[in-house]
Protein backbone atom coordinates (compact mmCIF):
# COMPACT_ATOMS: atom_id res chain seq x y z
CA MET A 1 -0.50 160.71 92.72
CA GLY A 2 -0.41 162.93 89.71
CA ALA A 3 1.34 162.84 86.36
CA ARG A 4 3.72 159.93 85.79
CA ASP A 5 6.63 159.68 83.43
CA ASP A 6 5.26 156.55 81.75
CA ALA A 7 3.01 158.15 79.16
CA PRO A 8 -0.11 156.52 77.71
CA ALA A 9 -0.98 156.96 74.07
CA HIS A 10 -1.53 160.57 73.13
CA GLY A 11 -4.84 162.05 72.07
CA ALA A 12 -6.01 163.37 68.72
CA PRO A 13 -3.47 165.07 66.43
CA LEU A 14 -2.89 168.81 66.71
CA HIS A 15 -4.34 171.05 63.98
CA VAL A 16 -4.18 174.71 63.04
CA LEU A 17 -7.64 176.29 63.19
CA ALA A 18 -6.80 179.71 61.76
CA THR A 19 -3.92 181.99 60.86
CA TYR A 20 -3.37 185.70 60.62
CA PRO A 21 -2.59 186.71 57.98
CA ALA A 22 -4.85 184.32 56.11
CA ASP A 23 -3.58 182.67 52.96
CA GLY A 24 -3.55 185.22 50.15
CA GLN A 25 -4.22 188.25 52.32
CA GLY A 26 -3.14 191.46 50.63
CA THR A 27 -2.20 189.74 47.38
CA ASP A 28 -5.23 191.31 45.66
CA PRO A 29 -4.87 194.87 46.92
CA PRO A 30 -7.56 197.53 46.58
CA ALA A 31 -7.39 200.09 43.78
CA VAL A 32 -6.27 202.76 46.23
CA PRO A 33 -3.28 201.60 48.33
CA ARG A 34 -3.82 201.95 52.04
CA VAL A 35 -2.50 200.81 55.41
CA CYS A 36 -5.11 199.05 57.49
CA ASN A 37 -5.45 196.65 60.38
CA SER A 38 -8.47 194.75 59.08
CA PRO A 39 -7.87 191.02 58.47
CA THR A 40 -9.89 191.10 55.24
CA PRO A 41 -8.43 189.45 52.11
CA ASP A 42 -7.96 192.72 50.21
CA CYS A 43 -6.21 194.48 53.09
CA PRO A 44 -2.40 194.57 52.82
CA VAL A 45 -0.61 193.31 55.91
CA PRO A 46 1.19 195.94 58.03
CA THR A 47 4.97 195.71 57.93
CA ASP A 48 5.04 195.33 61.72
CA VAL A 49 2.62 192.40 61.58
CA ALA A 50 2.40 189.91 64.44
CA ILE A 51 1.70 186.49 62.93
CA GLU A 52 -0.92 184.48 64.78
CA LEU A 53 -1.55 180.73 64.74
CA ARG A 54 -4.65 179.39 66.47
CA PHE A 55 -4.69 175.70 67.45
CA ASP A 56 -7.43 173.26 68.39
CA ARG A 57 -5.51 171.80 71.34
CA PHE A 58 -3.29 172.96 74.20
CA LEU A 59 0.37 173.03 73.23
CA ARG A 60 3.53 171.79 74.82
CA PRO A 61 5.14 175.17 75.58
CA GLY A 62 8.80 176.10 75.48
CA GLY A 63 11.56 177.51 73.36
CA GLY A 64 10.99 174.89 70.67
CA LEU A 65 7.98 176.84 69.41
CA ALA A 66 10.35 179.24 67.63
CA ALA A 67 11.34 176.44 65.24
CA GLY A 68 7.73 175.90 64.20
CA LEU A 69 7.41 178.82 61.79
CA GLN A 70 9.52 180.04 58.89
CA VAL A 71 8.73 183.37 57.22
CA PHE A 72 10.63 184.40 54.12
CA THR A 73 10.44 186.30 50.86
CA GLY A 74 11.66 184.65 47.69
CA ASP A 75 14.03 181.94 48.86
CA ILE A 76 13.89 180.35 52.33
CA ALA A 77 17.42 181.66 52.87
CA ASN A 78 15.80 185.09 53.26
CA SER A 79 14.04 184.13 56.46
CA VAL A 80 12.91 186.65 59.05
CA SER A 81 13.45 185.87 62.73
CA PHE A 82 10.33 185.86 64.92
CA THR A 83 9.88 185.29 68.66
CA PRO A 84 6.82 183.31 69.84
CA GLU A 85 4.43 184.06 72.68
CA TYR A 86 1.91 181.39 73.70
CA ASP A 87 -1.53 182.27 75.06
CA LEU A 88 -2.85 179.03 76.53
CA VAL A 89 -6.30 180.49 77.31
CA GLU A 90 -7.09 180.93 73.61
CA ARG A 91 -4.50 178.40 72.37
CA VAL A 92 -2.86 181.01 70.14
CA VAL A 93 0.84 181.47 69.39
CA VAL A 94 1.81 185.03 68.38
CA PHE A 95 5.09 185.57 66.53
CA ARG A 96 6.68 189.01 66.73
CA SER A 97 9.76 190.26 64.92
CA SER A 98 12.26 192.82 66.16
CA ARG A 99 12.30 194.44 62.73
CA ARG A 100 9.65 195.33 60.20
CA LEU A 101 9.02 193.40 57.04
CA GLN A 102 9.73 194.96 53.68
CA PRO A 103 6.87 197.09 52.34
CA ASN A 104 4.85 196.00 49.31
CA THR A 105 6.45 192.55 49.34
CA LEU A 106 5.10 189.02 48.97
CA TYR A 107 6.00 186.75 51.90
CA THR A 108 5.56 183.03 52.52
CA ALA A 109 4.92 181.54 55.95
CA GLN A 110 5.62 177.83 56.45
CA ILE A 111 4.36 176.03 59.57
CA VAL A 112 6.90 173.28 60.15
CA ILE A 113 5.99 169.70 61.03
CA SER A 114 8.88 168.39 63.14
CA SER A 115 9.86 164.86 64.11
CA ASP A 116 11.54 166.21 67.26
CA PRO A 117 9.11 166.74 70.20
CA ALA A 118 11.44 169.44 71.52
CA ARG A 119 11.00 171.55 68.38
CA GLY A 120 7.96 172.98 66.67
CA PHE A 121 4.31 172.51 67.59
CA TRP A 122 3.16 169.53 69.62
CA ALA A 123 0.11 169.05 71.80
CA PHE A 124 0.78 168.85 75.54
CA ASP A 125 0.44 165.04 75.40
CA ARG A 126 2.98 164.64 72.56
CA ALA A 127 0.33 164.45 69.85
CA PRO A 128 1.97 165.67 66.62
CA LEU A 129 0.90 168.48 64.33
CA GLU A 130 -0.92 167.32 61.22
CA ALA A 131 -2.18 169.12 58.13
CA GLY A 132 -5.88 169.93 58.19
CA ASP A 133 -8.36 172.26 56.57
CA VAL A 134 -6.14 175.30 57.16
CA PRO A 135 -3.00 175.23 54.97
CA LEU A 136 0.34 174.95 56.77
CA ARG A 137 1.91 177.11 54.07
CA PHE A 138 0.38 180.49 53.28
CA SER A 139 1.35 183.71 51.53
CA PHE A 140 0.58 187.34 52.20
CA SER A 141 1.62 190.75 50.91
CA THR A 142 2.65 193.68 53.01
CA GLY A 143 1.38 197.20 52.52
CA SER A 144 3.28 200.44 52.44
CA GLY A 145 4.03 200.70 56.15
CA PRO A 146 3.29 199.73 59.76
CA SER A 147 -0.11 199.52 61.37
CA VAL A 148 -1.93 202.67 62.32
CA ALA A 149 -1.35 203.26 66.00
CA ALA A 150 -4.43 202.68 68.11
CA PRO A 151 -5.44 205.39 70.58
CA PRO A 152 -4.06 204.79 74.09
CA GLN A 153 -6.37 202.82 76.33
CA ARG A 154 -6.74 202.95 80.05
CA VAL A 155 -4.89 200.03 81.60
CA ALA A 156 -6.11 198.54 84.87
CA PRO A 157 -3.56 198.34 87.70
CA PRO A 158 -1.66 195.03 87.68
CA ASP A 159 -3.03 192.29 89.90
CA THR A 160 -1.38 191.10 93.10
CA CYS A 161 -1.99 188.13 95.38
CA GLU A 162 -4.44 190.29 97.29
CA THR A 163 -6.50 191.36 94.29
CA LEU A 164 -6.60 187.82 92.89
CA THR A 165 -7.77 186.19 96.10
CA THR A 166 -10.51 188.80 96.51
CA GLY A 167 -11.24 188.98 92.78
CA PRO A 168 -10.95 186.30 90.07
CA LEU A 169 -10.09 183.44 92.46
CA ARG A 170 -12.50 184.32 95.25
CA SER A 171 -14.80 181.41 94.36
CA CYS A 172 -11.90 178.97 94.87
CA THR A 173 -11.46 179.88 98.54
CA SER A 174 -14.48 177.93 99.79
CA CYS A 175 -12.33 174.80 99.33
CA HIS A 176 -8.74 176.01 99.41
CA VAL A 177 -8.58 177.54 102.85
CA THR A 178 -6.62 176.64 105.96
CA GLN A 179 -9.00 175.18 108.52
CA PRO A 180 -8.98 176.90 111.92
CA GLY A 181 -8.72 173.73 114.00
CA ALA A 182 -9.61 170.12 114.63
CA ASP A 183 -13.28 170.90 115.33
CA THR A 184 -13.97 171.40 111.62
CA ILE A 185 -15.33 168.87 109.17
CA PRO A 186 -13.21 167.25 107.90
CA PRO A 187 -11.12 167.45 111.07
CA SER A 188 -7.96 168.93 109.56
CA LYS A 189 -6.24 172.28 109.80
CA TYR A 190 -4.60 171.83 106.41
CA PRO A 191 -6.12 173.07 103.12
CA PRO A 192 -6.99 170.55 100.36
CA MET A 193 -3.89 169.46 98.43
CA GLY A 194 -1.84 171.84 100.58
CA LEU A 195 -3.14 174.86 98.65
CA ASP A 196 -4.49 177.91 100.48
CA LEU A 197 -5.94 180.61 98.22
CA SER A 198 -7.97 182.37 100.90
CA ASN A 199 -5.48 185.18 101.42
CA ALA A 200 -2.17 186.55 100.18
CA ARG A 201 -0.16 184.75 102.88
CA GLY A 202 -1.56 181.36 101.93
CA PHE A 203 -1.12 182.12 98.24
CA PHE A 204 2.53 183.07 98.73
CA TYR A 205 3.50 180.09 100.88
CA THR A 206 1.52 177.31 99.16
CA ALA A 207 1.23 178.24 95.46
CA ILE A 208 4.08 180.34 94.11
CA GLN A 209 6.99 178.08 93.10
CA HIS A 210 5.47 175.17 95.00
CA VAL A 211 4.96 171.87 93.17
CA ALA A 212 1.30 170.92 92.91
CA HIS A 213 0.50 167.82 94.95
CA GLU A 214 -1.32 166.35 91.96
CA ALA A 215 1.79 166.79 89.79
CA GLU A 216 4.22 165.08 92.16
CA THR A 217 5.83 161.75 91.35
CA GLY A 218 7.58 161.05 94.63
CA ASN A 219 8.42 162.43 98.02
CA THR A 220 10.53 165.27 96.71
CA ALA A 221 10.48 167.76 93.87
CA VAL A 222 14.29 167.66 93.65
CA ASP A 223 15.00 164.99 91.09
CA ASP A 224 17.66 165.47 88.43
CA GLY A 225 15.62 163.42 85.98
CA LEU A 226 12.58 165.63 86.40
CA GLN A 227 14.03 169.13 86.09
CA ALA A 228 13.13 169.04 82.38
CA PRO A 229 10.83 166.02 82.24
CA SER A 230 9.92 164.46 78.93
CA ARG A 231 6.35 164.16 80.15
CA PHE A 232 4.60 167.51 80.33
CA GLY A 233 2.97 168.13 83.71
CA VAL A 234 5.46 166.28 85.93
CA GLN A 235 6.53 168.27 89.01
CA MET A 236 4.66 171.35 87.77
CA ASN A 237 4.46 174.35 90.09
CA VAL A 238 1.03 175.59 91.10
CA VAL A 239 2.25 179.01 89.96
CA ASP A 240 5.38 179.24 87.82
CA PRO A 241 6.22 182.98 87.88
CA GLY A 242 6.43 184.36 84.36
CA PHE A 243 4.98 181.26 82.71
CA PRO A 244 1.20 180.68 82.71
CA ALA A 245 1.58 177.71 80.34
CA THR A 246 3.62 175.79 82.94
CA SER A 247 1.47 176.75 85.93
CA TYR A 248 -0.78 173.97 87.23
CA LEU A 249 -3.30 176.52 88.52
CA MET A 250 -4.12 177.64 84.97
CA TYR A 251 -4.93 174.11 83.80
CA LYS A 252 -7.17 173.50 86.81
CA LEU A 253 -9.09 176.65 85.85
CA LEU A 254 -9.15 175.84 82.13
CA GLU A 255 -10.56 172.36 82.91
CA LYS A 256 -13.92 173.96 83.69
CA PRO A 257 -15.84 175.16 80.60
CA GLU A 258 -18.00 177.46 82.72
CA ASN A 259 -14.89 179.53 83.44
CA TYR A 260 -15.13 180.87 79.89
CA ARG A 261 -18.48 182.57 80.56
CA LEU A 262 -19.12 186.26 80.02
CA GLY A 263 -18.57 188.47 83.03
CA ASP A 264 -21.31 190.70 84.42
CA SER A 265 -19.84 193.73 82.66
CA GLU A 266 -19.34 192.01 79.29
CA ALA A 267 -22.05 192.28 76.64
CA THR A 268 -20.16 190.16 74.09
CA CYS A 269 -17.11 187.96 74.20
CA VAL A 270 -14.67 188.90 71.47
CA THR A 271 -11.28 187.35 70.88
CA GLY A 272 -8.29 189.64 71.23
CA TYR A 273 -6.66 188.29 68.06
CA HIS A 274 -7.04 188.72 64.33
CA ALA A 275 -6.87 184.94 63.82
CA PRO A 276 -10.59 184.14 63.74
CA VAL A 277 -12.57 181.80 65.92
CA SER A 278 -15.64 180.17 64.47
CA GLU A 279 -18.86 181.20 66.17
CA GLY A 280 -17.22 184.01 68.11
CA GLY A 281 -14.46 184.24 70.68
CA CYS A 282 -13.89 182.90 74.18
CA ARG A 283 -14.59 179.29 73.27
CA PRO A 284 -13.73 176.66 75.92
CA PRO A 285 -11.71 173.59 74.94
CA ALA A 286 -13.51 170.72 73.25
CA ALA A 287 -14.92 168.03 75.54
CA ALA A 288 -12.37 165.50 74.27
CA GLU A 289 -9.56 167.91 75.11
CA LEU A 290 -10.80 168.25 78.69
CA VAL A 291 -10.90 164.47 79.01
CA GLN A 292 -7.33 164.23 77.72
CA LEU A 293 -6.17 166.92 80.16
CA ARG A 294 -7.50 164.80 83.02
CA GLU A 295 -6.00 161.63 81.59
CA TRP A 296 -2.61 163.24 81.14
CA PHE A 297 -1.98 165.28 84.27
CA VAL A 298 -4.81 167.51 85.58
CA ARG A 299 -6.08 165.36 88.44
CA GLY A 300 -9.16 165.81 90.58
CA ASP A 301 -11.95 168.33 90.11
CA PRO A 302 -11.65 171.52 88.08
CA MET A 303 -11.42 174.79 89.95
CA PRO A 304 -13.51 176.16 91.46
CA LYS A 305 -15.19 172.94 92.50
CA ASP A 306 -18.97 172.99 92.30
CA GLN A 307 -20.58 172.81 95.71
CA PRO A 308 -24.11 171.46 96.29
CA ALA A 309 -25.45 174.96 96.83
CA SER A 310 -23.09 176.76 94.47
CA THR A 311 -22.40 177.04 90.76
CA ALA A 312 -19.39 179.26 91.31
CA SER A 313 -17.17 179.86 88.31
CA LEU A 314 -14.82 182.41 86.83
CA SER A 315 -15.27 184.41 83.65
CA HIS A 316 -13.15 184.60 80.52
CA SER A 317 -11.77 187.95 81.71
CA ASP A 318 -10.89 186.33 85.07
CA LEU A 319 -8.84 183.71 83.21
CA LEU A 320 -7.03 186.43 81.30
CA ARG A 321 -6.32 188.40 84.49
CA THR A 322 -4.91 185.32 86.22
CA ALA A 323 -2.71 184.44 83.24
CA ALA A 324 -1.51 188.06 82.95
CA TRP A 325 -0.58 188.11 86.65
CA ILE A 326 1.49 184.95 86.27
CA ALA A 327 3.09 186.25 83.06
CA ALA A 328 4.09 189.42 84.91
CA GLY A 329 6.09 187.32 87.37
CA ALA A 330 3.27 186.57 89.86
CA PRO A 331 3.95 189.70 91.96
CA CYS A 332 3.23 188.94 95.59
CA SER A 333 4.97 190.60 98.51
CA PRO A 334 6.17 188.14 101.17
CA PRO A 335 3.72 188.48 104.09
CA ASP A 336 5.07 189.53 107.47
């Protein structure tokens, strides 16, 4: 069985590793005012800034994240409303506002420590946020206007079940495939844990909005007490369309550090955020975090499972593609 509702003690406290803007950014402006996107201390912050918070652990996702940050100028009564987006691959929460900040203005950002696990920032195993080396209260000054628009970039076509099974997840199909008959070893026609990733049909009927076997707590997924379980991971879908952070598939992939490797076409691995990462981007979770994932709810082997004659793994870009596909609603046409 998988995750239970009787929770053991949580792991290490949650900490903020980095913020963008950094504390004091733009408060010592250059002699010549300018608008820039560089996260250097002397660079004023664009008025359309997206505030980034990078954490050392996986978070408990949900609407409560919005209560974890207050941004205001002068008095806290002058708060600006921001909407959070959580990237579980890099463990970054990005806050975006529907309106621009005031130009040439000093702002304060306060990361809130809450006593309510349904509000603010908590690790997936209920570990609370604690103050660390990075201040939970920081100030920054805006510049004269919004960021300079970047030149348009070519965007790859969105993924589908077909492109994922033949692309990023192709190394998972050696295990998760429907056996042709009883003459196979082991003698079963059913895929491991009921999950078939070998083709779009299997993906559609066994993964999308289907509770992961390792996350089940009983014989049925219909349980009024588990529709919004207090324990994260209970009755979690393999793929929860629109929500990578509540998709069991993502955690099975993130459990394997090798899945953060550089792809064949990548010379360097650079984070997509201003909030810095020490020693470069694309860092896998700490070893203790992987242990706690297994202890809490990610049962069995990481995906793809290493075979005796194989060291198959994904790449960091494969993780991002899979998460983006789920975030886009997990588009997959029902097979005929």
